[in-house]
C-alpha atoms as a PDB file:
ATOM      1  CA  MET A   1      16.006  43.047  86.780  1.00  0.00           C
ATOM      2  CA  VAL A   2      19.397  41.505  87.561  1.00  0.00           C
ATOM      3  CA  ARG A   3      21.841  42.872  90.151  1.00  0.00           C
ATOM      4  CA  ILE A   4      25.521  41.961  89.824  1.00  0.00           C
ATOM      5  CA  CYS A   5      28.354  42.652  92.235  1.00  0.00           C
ATOM      6  CA  THR A   6      32.068  42.128  91.650  1.00  0.00           C
ATOM      7  CA  TRP A   7      34.613  42.461  94.443  1.00  0.00           C
ATOM      8  CA  ASN A   8      38.301  41.696  94.838  1.00  0.00           C
ATOM      9  CA  ILE A   9      38.395  40.760  98.526  1.00  0.00           C
ATOM     10  CA  LEU A  10      42.193  40.801  99.040  1.00  0.00           C
ATOM     11  CA  LEU A  11      42.614  37.142 100.012  1.00  0.00           C
ATOM     12  CA  GLY A  12      39.858  37.517 102.598  1.00  0.00           C
ATOM     13  CA  LEU A  13      42.298  39.143 105.007  1.00  0.00           C
ATOM     14  CA  ARG A  14      39.383  41.060 106.525  1.00  0.00           C
ATOM     15  CA  LEU A  15      36.799  38.334 106.059  1.00  0.00           C
ATOM     16  CA  PRO A  16      34.766  39.228 109.198  1.00  0.00           C
ATOM     17  CA  ALA A  17      34.264  42.763 107.826  1.00  0.00           C
ATOM     18  CA  ILE A  18      33.239  41.319 104.458  1.00  0.00           C
ATOM     19  CA  LEU A  19      30.716  38.980 106.081  1.00  0.00           C
ATOM     20  CA  ASP A  20      29.322  41.845 108.144  1.00  0.00           C
ATOM     21  CA  ALA A  21      28.907  43.965 104.994  1.00  0.00           C
ATOM     22  CA  VAL A  22      27.138  41.329 102.911  1.00  0.00           C
ATOM     23  CA  SER A  23      24.799  40.373 105.765  1.00  0.00           C
ATOM     24  CA  THR A  24      23.857  43.906 106.888  1.00  0.00           C
ATOM     25  CA  MET A  25      24.162  46.353 103.975  1.00  0.00           C
ATOM     26  CA  PRO A  26      20.978  46.689 101.865  1.00  0.00           C
ATOM     27  CA  ASP A  27      22.845  46.805  98.535  1.00  0.00           C
ATOM     28  CA  PHE A  28      23.867  43.159  98.945  1.00  0.00           C
ATOM     29  CA  ARG A  29      20.364  41.894  99.763  1.00  0.00           C
ATOM     30  CA  GLU A  30      19.185  41.998  96.159  1.00  0.00           C
ATOM     31  CA  VAL A  31      22.382  40.648  94.577  1.00  0.00           C
ATOM     32  CA  ASP A  32      21.712  37.862  92.067  1.00  0.00           C
ATOM     33  CA  LEU A  33      25.284  37.270  90.859  1.00  0.00           C
ATOM     34  CA  PHE A  34      28.392  37.897  92.953  1.00  0.00           C
ATOM     35  CA  ALA A  35      31.817  37.648  91.276  1.00  0.00           C
ATOM     36  CA  LEU A  36      34.775  37.367  93.656  1.00  0.00           C
ATOM     37  CA  GLN A  37      38.476  37.745  92.971  1.00  0.00           C
ATOM     38  CA  GLU A  38      41.280  36.992  95.425  1.00  0.00           C
ATOM     39  CA  ALA A  39      39.057  34.763  97.497  1.00  0.00           C
ATOM     40  CA  SER A  40      40.956  32.344  99.723  1.00  0.00           C
ATOM     41  CA  VAL A  41      40.352  29.689 102.394  1.00  0.00           C
ATOM     42  CA  HIS A  42      39.948  30.336 106.120  1.00  0.00           C
ATOM     43  CA  GLY A  43      39.412  27.634 108.718  1.00  0.00           C
ATOM     44  CA  ALA A  44      39.307  24.998 105.931  1.00  0.00           C
ATOM     45  CA  GLN A  45      36.268  26.781 104.429  1.00  0.00           C
ATOM     46  CA  PRO A  46      36.356  28.584 101.056  1.00  0.00           C
ATOM     47  CA  ASP A  47      35.647  32.291 101.437  1.00  0.00           C
ATOM     48  CA  ALA A  48      32.849  31.995  98.856  1.00  0.00           C
ATOM     49  CA  ALA A  49      31.101  29.420 101.050  1.00  0.00           C
ATOM     50  CA  ALA A  50      31.236  31.725 104.076  1.00  0.00           C
ATOM     51  CA  ILE A  51      29.963  34.682 102.023  1.00  0.00           C
ATOM     52  CA  ALA A  52      27.159  32.648 100.436  1.00  0.00           C
ATOM     53  CA  ASP A  53      26.084  31.485 103.913  1.00  0.00           C
ATOM     54  CA  ALA A  54      26.050  35.091 105.136  1.00  0.00           C
ATOM     55  CA  MET A  55      23.868  36.117 102.178  1.00  0.00           C
ATOM     56  CA  GLY A  56      21.192  33.534 102.917  1.00  0.00           C
ATOM     57  CA  ALA A  57      19.906  30.074 102.149  1.00  0.00           C
ATOM     58  CA  ASP A  58      19.040  30.829  98.509  1.00  0.00           C
ATOM     59  CA  TYR A  59      22.642  31.065  97.290  1.00  0.00           C
ATOM     60  CA  SER A  60      25.076  28.571  95.791  1.00  0.00           C
ATOM     61  CA  TYR A  61      28.769  29.059  95.095  1.00  0.00           C
ATOM     62  CA  PHE A  62      31.739  27.807  93.105  1.00  0.00           C
ATOM     63  CA  GLN A  63      35.371  28.660  93.932  1.00  0.00           C
ATOM     64  CA  ALA A  64      38.524  27.765  91.989  1.00  0.00           C
ATOM     65  CA  THR A  65      42.124  28.452  92.997  1.00  0.00           C
ATOM     66  CA  ALA A  66      44.368  30.143  90.452  1.00  0.00           C
ATOM     67  CA  GLN A  67      47.634  30.073  92.405  1.00  0.00           C
ATOM     68  CA  LEU A  68      49.285  30.180  95.798  1.00  0.00           C
ATOM     69  CA  PHE A  69      50.212  33.761  96.616  1.00  0.00           C
ATOM     70  CA  ARG A  70      52.545  34.236  99.586  1.00  0.00           C
ATOM     71  CA  GLY A  71      51.392  30.878 100.909  1.00  0.00           C
ATOM     72  CA  ARG A  72      47.666  31.610 100.556  1.00  0.00           C
ATOM     73  CA  GLU A  73      45.208  30.293  98.003  1.00  0.00           C
ATOM     74  CA  GLN A  74      44.187  32.997  95.548  1.00  0.00           C
ATOM     75  CA  ALA A  75      40.917  32.100  93.863  1.00  0.00           C
ATOM     76  CA  ASN A  76      38.084  33.330  91.693  1.00  0.00           C
ATOM     77  CA  ALA A  77      34.556  32.524  92.797  1.00  0.00           C
ATOM     78  CA  LEU A  78      30.963  32.958  91.733  1.00  0.00           C
ATOM     79  CA  ILE A  79      27.960  33.112  94.054  1.00  0.00           C
ATOM     80  CA  TRP A  80      24.505  33.018  92.506  1.00  0.00           C
ATOM     81  CA  ARG A  81      20.876  33.178  93.540  1.00  0.00           C
ATOM     82  CA  ARG A  82      19.384  29.798  92.697  1.00  0.00           C
ATOM     83  CA  GLY A  83      16.002  31.250  91.768  1.00  0.00           C
ATOM     84  CA  LEU A  84      17.584  33.312  89.000  1.00  0.00           C
ATOM     85  CA  PHE A  85      20.432  31.131  87.772  1.00  0.00           C
ATOM     86  CA  GLN A  86      21.014  27.397  87.892  1.00  0.00           C
ATOM     87  CA  PRO A  87      24.102  26.773  85.753  1.00  0.00           C
ATOM     88  CA  THR A  88      25.603  23.575  84.500  1.00  0.00           C
ATOM     89  CA  PRO A  89      28.776  22.823  86.504  1.00  0.00           C
ATOM     90  CA  PRO A  90      31.034  25.895  86.212  1.00  0.00           C
ATOM     91  CA  GLU A  91      34.323  25.490  84.368  1.00  0.00           C
ATOM     92  CA  VAL A  92      37.771  27.017  84.843  1.00  0.00           C
ATOM     93  CA  MET A  93      39.600  28.718  81.961  1.00  0.00           C
ATOM     94  CA  PRO A  94      43.359  29.339  82.288  1.00  0.00           C
ATOM     95  CA  LEU A  95      44.222  32.813  80.980  1.00  0.00           C
ATOM     96  CA  THR A  96      47.522  31.988  79.321  1.00  0.00           C
ATOM     97  CA  VAL A  97      49.313  34.192  76.805  1.00  0.00           C
ATOM     98  CA  SER A  98      51.290  32.694  73.930  1.00  0.00           C
ATOM     99  CA  GLU A  99      54.985  33.473  73.646  1.00  0.00           C
ATOM    100  CA  ALA A 100      54.272  34.338  69.997  1.00  0.00           C
ATOM    101  CA  VAL A 101      52.195  37.398  70.912  1.00  0.00           C
ATOM    102  CA  ARG A 102      53.916  40.578  69.761  1.00  0.00           C
ATOM    103  CA  MET A 103      54.937  42.834  72.641  1.00  0.00           C
ATOM    104  CA  SER A 104      57.294  45.745  72.976  1.00  0.00           C
ATOM    105  CA  GLY A 105      60.808  45.043  74.187  1.00  0.00           C
ATOM    106  CA  ALA A 106      60.089  47.057  77.311  1.00  0.00           C
ATOM    107  CA  GLU A 107      57.055  44.928  78.190  1.00  0.00           C
ATOM    108  CA  ARG A 108      58.936  41.668  77.600  1.00  0.00           C
ATOM    109  CA  ALA A 109      61.729  42.916  79.864  1.00  0.00           C
ATOM    110  CA  LEU A 110      59.155  43.827  82.511  1.00  0.00           C
ATOM    111  CA  LEU A 111      57.576  40.369  82.331  1.00  0.00           C
ATOM    112  CA  ARG A 112      60.999  38.755  82.690  1.00  0.00           C
ATOM    113  CA  ALA A 113      61.725  40.885  85.746  1.00  0.00           C
ATOM    114  CA  ILE A 114      58.256  40.321  87.251  1.00  0.00           C
ATOM    115  CA  PRO A 115      57.095  36.871  86.100  1.00  0.00           C
ATOM    116  CA  PRO A 116      53.383  36.714  85.175  1.00  0.00           C
ATOM    117  CA  GLN A 117      51.041  35.367  87.809  1.00  0.00           C
ATOM    118  CA  LYS A 118      48.684  32.480  87.054  1.00  0.00           C
ATOM    119  CA  ARG A 119      45.267  33.855  86.160  1.00  0.00           C
ATOM    120  CA  ILE A 120      41.977  32.121  85.463  1.00  0.00           C
ATOM    121  CA  ALA A 121      38.408  32.892  84.552  1.00  0.00           C
ATOM    122  CA  ILE A 122      35.374  30.974  85.754  1.00  0.00           C
ATOM    123  CA  ARG A 123      32.628  30.339  83.208  1.00  0.00           C
ATOM    124  CA  ALA A 124      29.144  29.347  84.381  1.00  0.00           C
ATOM    125  CA  GLU A 125      26.138  29.138  82.097  1.00  0.00           C
ATOM    126  CA  SER A 126      22.543  28.128  81.707  1.00  0.00           C
ATOM    127  CA  GLU A 127      20.328  28.284  78.617  1.00  0.00           C
ATOM    128  CA  GLU A 128      19.571  31.961  79.293  1.00  0.00           C
ATOM    129  CA  LEU A 129      22.670  33.376  80.982  1.00  0.00           C
ATOM    130  CA  ARG A 130      26.445  33.001  80.844  1.00  0.00           C
ATOM    131  CA  VAL A 131      28.803  34.519  83.420  1.00  0.00           C
ATOM    132  CA  TYR A 132      32.583  34.927  83.344  1.00  0.00           C
ATOM    133  CA  VAL A 133      34.458  35.856  86.533  1.00  0.00           C
ATOM    134  CA  THR A 134      37.886  37.155  85.601  1.00  0.00           C
ATOM    135  CA  HIS A 135      41.037  38.507  87.226  1.00  0.00           C
ATOM    136  CA  LEU A 136      43.682  39.853  84.852  1.00  0.00           C
ATOM    137  CA  ASP A 137      47.361  40.036  85.740  1.00  0.00           C
ATOM    138  CA  VAL A 138      48.966  43.036  87.423  1.00  0.00           C
ATOM    139  CA  VAL A 139      51.721  43.842  84.907  1.00  0.00           C
ATOM    140  CA  GLY A 140      51.880  44.342  81.159  1.00  0.00           C
ATOM    141  CA  PHE A 141      49.592  46.164  78.738  1.00  0.00           C
ATOM    142  CA  THR A 142      49.556  43.666  75.846  1.00  0.00           C
ATOM    143  CA  HIS A 143      49.749  40.792  78.333  1.00  0.00           C
ATOM    144  CA  LYS A 144      46.482  41.879  79.993  1.00  0.00           C
ATOM    145  CA  LEU A 145      44.834  42.582  76.642  1.00  0.00           C
ATOM    146  CA  GLU A 146      45.592  39.028  75.469  1.00  0.00           C
ATOM    147  CA  GLN A 147      44.138  37.592  78.675  1.00  0.00           C
ATOM    148  CA  PHE A 148      40.968  39.592  78.063  1.00  0.00           C
ATOM    149  CA  ARG A 149      40.900  38.479  74.423  1.00  0.00           C
ATOM    150  CA  ALA A 150      41.067  34.844  75.576  1.00  0.00           C
ATOM    151  CA  ILE A 151      37.704  35.379  77.280  1.00  0.00           C
ATOM    152  CA  LEU A 152      36.294  37.109  74.187  1.00  0.00           C
ATOM    153  CA  ALA A 153      37.483  34.222  71.997  1.00  0.00           C
ATOM    154  CA  ASP A 154      35.797  31.705  74.288  1.00  0.00           C
ATOM    155  CA  LEU A 155      32.600  33.760  74.181  1.00  0.00           C
ATOM    156  CA  ALA A 156      32.669  33.918  70.379  1.00  0.00           C
ATOM    157  CA  ALA A 157      33.185  30.145  70.097  1.00  0.00           C
ATOM    158  CA  ARG A 158      30.212  29.222  72.276  1.00  0.00           C
ATOM    159  CA  PRO A 159      26.530  29.046  71.292  1.00  0.00           C
ATOM    160  CA  ARG A 160      24.688  32.346  71.409  1.00  0.00           C
ATOM    161  CA  ILE A 161      22.454  32.824  74.430  1.00  0.00           C
ATOM    162  CA  PRO A 162      20.339  35.815  75.481  1.00  0.00           C
ATOM    163  CA  MET A 163      22.817  37.402  77.910  1.00  0.00           C
ATOM    164  CA  THR A 164      26.471  37.093  78.900  1.00  0.00           C
ATOM    165  CA  ILE A 165      28.099  38.965  81.788  1.00  0.00           C
ATOM    166  CA  ILE A 166      31.850  39.433  82.223  1.00  0.00           C
ATOM    167  CA  ALA A 167      32.793  40.769  85.654  1.00  0.00           C
ATOM    168  CA  GLY A 168      36.012  41.124  87.562  1.00  0.00           C
ATOM    169  CA  ASP A 169      39.266  42.864  88.319  1.00  0.00           C
ATOM    170  CA  MET A 170      40.799  44.050  85.038  1.00  0.00           C
ATOM    171  CA  ASN A 171      43.822  45.591  86.814  1.00  0.00           C
ATOM    172  CA  THR A 172      43.678  48.665  84.570  1.00  0.00           C
ATOM    173  CA  ILE A 173      46.183  50.426  86.777  1.00  0.00           C
ATOM    174  CA  GLY A 174      46.409  54.197  86.440  1.00  0.00           C
ATOM    175  CA  PRO A 175      44.111  57.249  86.344  1.00  0.00           C
ATOM    176  CA  PRO A 176      40.381  56.539  85.943  1.00  0.00           C
ATOM    177  CA  ARG A 177      40.163  57.454  82.242  1.00  0.00           C
ATOM    178  CA  PRO A 178      43.586  56.664  80.787  1.00  0.00           C
ATOM    179  CA  ARG A 179      44.448  56.269  77.127  1.00  0.00           C
ATOM    180  CA  LEU A 180      46.648  53.342  78.216  1.00  0.00           C
ATOM    181  CA  TRP A 181      43.647  51.003  78.287  1.00  0.00           C
ATOM    182  CA  ARG A 182      41.957  52.093  75.053  1.00  0.00           C
ATOM    183  CA  ARG A 183      42.838  48.736  73.436  1.00  0.00           C
ATOM    184  CA  ILE A 184      40.877  46.819  76.080  1.00  0.00           C
ATOM    185  CA  ARG A 185      37.923  49.163  75.578  1.00  0.00           C
ATOM    186  CA  ALA A 186      38.218  48.742  71.797  1.00  0.00           C
ATOM    187  CA  ALA A 187      38.362  44.937  72.078  1.00  0.00           C
ATOM    188  CA  ALA A 188      35.253  44.961  74.272  1.00  0.00           C
ATOM    189  CA  HIS A 189      33.417  47.246  71.844  1.00  0.00           C
ATOM    190  CA  GLU A 190      34.361  45.111  68.821  1.00  0.00           C
ATOM    191  CA  ALA A 191      33.012  42.030  70.623  1.00  0.00           C
ATOM    192  CA  GLY A 192      29.674  43.750  71.221  1.00  0.00           C
ATOM    193  CA  LEU A 193      30.141  44.260  74.961  1.00  0.00           C
ATOM    194  CA  ILE A 194      28.526  47.130  76.843  1.00  0.00           C
ATOM    195  CA  ASP A 195      30.492  48.446  79.836  1.00  0.00           C
ATOM    196  CA  LEU A 196      27.872  48.868  82.547  1.00  0.00           C
ATOM    197  CA  THR A 197      30.473  50.494  84.801  1.00  0.00           C
ATOM    198  CA  HIS A 198      31.801  53.024  82.281  1.00  0.00           C
ATOM    199  CA  GLY A 199      30.653  55.984  84.368  1.00  0.00           C
ATOM    200  CA  LEU A 200      32.407  54.940  87.583  1.00  0.00           C
ATOM    201  CA  ARG A 201      35.493  56.968  88.382  1.00  0.00           C
ATOM    202  CA  ARG A 202      37.149  54.658  90.929  1.00  0.00           C
ATOM    203  CA  THR A 203      36.838  51.150  92.290  1.00  0.00           C
ATOM    204  CA  HIS A 204      39.943  51.101  94.511  1.00  0.00           C
ATOM    205  CA  TRP A 205      40.901  53.029  97.622  1.00  0.00           C
ATOM    206  CA  THR A 206      43.853  54.585  95.752  1.00  0.00           C
ATOM    207  CA  GLY A 207      41.406  56.290  93.372  1.00  0.00           C
ATOM    208  CA  MET A 208      42.077  53.945  90.436  1.00  0.00           C
ATOM    209  CA  LYS A 209      39.387  52.202  88.401  1.00  0.00           C
ATOM    210  CA  LEU A 210      40.419  48.536  88.228  1.00  0.00           C
ATOM    211  CA  ASP A 211      37.115  46.640  88.141  1.00  0.00           C
ATOM    212  CA  ALA A 212      34.426  46.403  85.487  1.00  0.00           C
ATOM    213  CA  ILE A 213      31.162  44.665  84.563  1.00  0.00           C
ATOM    214  CA  TYR A 214      30.311  44.061  80.901  1.00  0.00           C
ATOM    215  CA  VAL A 215      27.149  42.682  79.321  1.00  0.00           C
ATOM    216  CA  HIS A 216      26.762  41.032  75.913  1.00  0.00           C
ATOM    217  CA  GLY A 217      23.733  39.956  73.920  1.00  0.00           C
ATOM    218  CA  VAL A 218      21.292  42.581  75.181  1.00  0.00           C
ATOM    219  CA  THR A 219      21.118  46.347  74.968  1.00  0.00           C
ATOM    220  CA  PRO A 220      19.793  47.384  78.371  1.00  0.00           C
ATOM    221  CA  SER A 221      17.015  49.945  78.132  1.00  0.00           C
ATOM    222  CA  ALA A 222      18.138  51.132  81.567  1.00  0.00           C
ATOM    223  CA  HIS A 223      20.981  50.284  83.898  1.00  0.00           C
ATOM    224  CA  ARG A 224      22.964  51.793  86.738  1.00  0.00           C
ATOM    225  CA  ALA A 225      26.264  51.124  88.447  1.00  0.00           C
ATOM    226  CA  TRP A 226      27.697  52.172  91.801  1.00  0.00           C
ATOM    227  CA  THR A 227      30.241  51.334  94.490  1.00  0.00           C
ATOM    228  CA  LEU A 228      30.134  51.170  98.290  1.00  0.00           C
ATOM    229  CA  LYS A 229      32.824  52.601 100.562  1.00  0.00           C
ATOM    230  CA  VAL A 230      33.431  49.457 102.578  1.00  0.00           C
ATOM    231  CA  ARG A 231      36.760  49.146 104.407  1.00  0.00           C
ATOM    232  CA  ALA A 232      37.057  45.392 104.021  1.00  0.00           C
ATOM    233  CA  SER A 233      39.504  45.231 101.097  1.00  0.00           C
ATOM    234  CA  ASP A 234      41.665  47.554  99.016  1.00  0.00           C
ATOM    235  CA  HIS A 235      38.964  47.286  96.324  1.00  0.00           C
ATOM    236  CA  LEU A 236      35.420  48.600  96.600  1.00  0.00           C
ATOM    237  CA  PRO A 237      32.467  46.329  95.871  1.00  0.00           C
ATOM    238  CA  VAL A 238      31.147  47.304  92.430  1.00  0.00           C
ATOM    239  CA  PHE A 239      27.469  46.876  91.593  1.00  0.00           C
ATOM    240  CA  ALA A 240      25.482  47.026  88.365  1.00  0.00           C
ATOM    241  CA  GLU A 241      21.777  46.580  87.844  1.00  0.00           C
ATOM    242  CA  ILE A 242      20.128  45.762  84.520  1.00  0.00           C
END
């Protein structure tokens, strides 16, 4: 059994509350893989390092900064239980979108008015398991789809291994089951991904479902997904267990 958590921690603005949650709440005690978005740096220490320390001595971490946002580092990070997963050095993938991608005039105008933010994915892998930690941009439907497809293309180009997990903030802004995001769901389905979090109705305090965990390479005979109502970020921590 593998337990995954993904959590956008809002630049660690409430880091003490996050550390209290991961060190005291039972759901975090069995976490094997922890994907973080909008991690930052506090007191010269990466947020992922502080969280890994709070989780216990058996955890390692990797954190990579995507951009400076309002003067703060905005990073993706992965924390993993060493007994389960010992990857080769994780790598950073820029999630860039070609100017040649066809978009509607309205979306291009939106992206000119609100310039795209720099987004990355982290890829970490061993012989048995590959993990992507992703954070898609806030604006644009096709723009986000192409960022997601960049991860799918990387997955397709790499050697097949027993299991791949893609976890993160997909920024699928809107009601929990919108038709707006059917192209992302279709792209995931065509790539052979199973959405472990399909049944969740919200992952954000506004009621929106922004975060997801996908698995590739295995068809789980049983799995479950859930969130915790933790007031430490605008996002809820999202868990899945295979």
